[in-house]
Amino acid sequence: MTEAMLSHVMDALDVETFLVCASENEGKDRAIRLMRSLGFQDVDIVFIQYAGPGARVRVRAYIYRPGDNYAWVTSDHMEK
């Protein structure tokens, strides 16, 4: 994912998927590792539900936290 595309994200990027795992903790670990492998470092688990062969998980990668300097506020981003 390019910096130019991420500069248009208001605050965060959520990914929801089903991960094959043996426990809820393993599902959390896999979800965080997945997002970090995509280049995101500021990651939280928003939702997880373990059932059967794995876990339904929603993981959030923060592009901007409250008070950050938002790229989308600058005039050159608003015009595009």
Protein backbone atom coordinates (compact mmCIF):
# COMPACT_ATOMS: atom_id res chain seq x y z
CA MET A 1 0.00 0.00 0.00
CA THR A 2 1.44 3.36 -0.96
CA GLU A 3 1.89 6.40 1.26
CA ALA A 4 -0.17 8.41 -1.24
CA MET A 5 -3.18 6.12 -0.75
CA LEU A 6 -2.80 5.98 3.03
CA SER A 7 -2.72 9.78 3.20
CA HIS A 8 -6.41 9.73 2.21
CA VAL A 9 -7.43 7.44 5.09
CA MET A 10 -9.21 9.44 7.79
CA ASP A 11 -7.95 7.52 10.81
CA ALA A 12 -7.55 3.75 10.54
CA LEU A 13 -7.80 0.73 8.29
CA ASP A 14 -9.85 -2.29 9.45
CA VAL A 15 -9.46 -5.82 8.13
CA GLU A 16 -11.97 -8.52 9.01
CA THR A 17 -11.32 -12.15 8.22
CA PHE A 18 -11.54 -15.71 9.54
CA LEU A 19 -8.19 -17.14 10.62
CA VAL A 20 -7.57 -20.85 11.13
CA CYS A 21 -6.11 -21.22 14.62
CA ALA A 22 -6.23 -23.43 17.71
CA SER A 23 -7.27 -20.77 20.23
CA GLU A 24 -8.41 -17.16 20.62
CA ASN A 25 -4.91 -16.12 21.71
CA GLU A 26 -3.39 -17.73 18.63
CA GLY A 27 -5.97 -15.91 16.48
CA LYS A 28 -5.02 -12.57 18.07
CA ASP A 29 -1.34 -13.25 17.48
CA ARG A 30 -1.90 -14.24 13.85
CA ALA A 31 -4.05 -11.18 13.15
CA ILE A 32 -1.43 -8.82 14.57
CA ARG A 33 1.36 -10.58 12.67
CA LEU A 34 -0.69 -10.35 9.47
CA MET A 35 -1.09 -6.59 9.77
CA ARG A 36 2.57 -6.12 10.69
CA SER A 37 3.59 -8.19 7.66
CA LEU A 38 1.61 -5.66 5.58
CA GLY A 39 3.74 -2.87 7.06
CA PHE A 40 1.47 -1.58 9.84
CA GLN A 41 2.95 -1.17 13.32
CA ASP A 42 0.15 0.52 15.33
CA VAL A 43 -2.37 -2.34 15.45
CA ASP A 44 -5.27 -3.30 17.76
CA ILE A 45 -7.72 -6.18 17.86
CA VAL A 46 -11.22 -4.68 17.61
CA PHE A 47 -13.21 -7.93 17.70
CA ILE A 48 -12.46 -11.63 17.99
CA GLN A 49 -14.76 -14.64 18.25
CA TYR A 50 -13.23 -18.09 18.43
CA ALA A 51 -15.40 -20.89 17.07
CA GLY A 52 -14.65 -24.29 15.59
CA PRO A 53 -11.59 -24.29 13.35
CA GLY A 54 -10.55 -20.71 14.06
CA ALA A 55 -11.51 -17.15 14.85
CA ARG A 56 -13.45 -14.38 13.19
CA VAL A 57 -11.27 -11.34 13.82
CA ARG A 58 -11.38 -7.62 13.04
CA VAL A 59 -8.00 -5.94 13.36
CA ARG A 60 -7.38 -2.19 13.07
CA ALA A 61 -4.22 -0.52 11.79
CA TYR A 62 -4.06 3.10 12.88
CA ILE A 63 -2.81 5.49 10.24
CA TYR A 64 -3.58 8.53 12.42
CA ARG A 65 -4.31 8.73 16.14
CA PRO A 66 -6.18 11.69 17.65
CA GLY A 67 -3.96 14.77 17.59
CA ASP A 68 -1.69 13.55 14.79
CA ASN A 69 -0.91 15.75 11.80
CA TYR A 70 -3.49 14.48 9.34
CA ALA A 71 -2.32 14.47 5.71
CA TRP A 72 -5.92 14.70 4.48
CA VAL A 73 -6.34 18.12 6.14
CA THR A 74 -3.80 19.82 3.89
CA SER A 75 -5.23 21.68 0.92
CA ASP A 76 -3.37 19.67 -1.73
CA HIS A 77 -5.01 16.43 -0.52
CA MET A 78 -8.48 17.97 -0.37
CA GLU A 79 -8.30 19.02 -4.03
CA LYS A 80 -7.57 15.52 -5.39
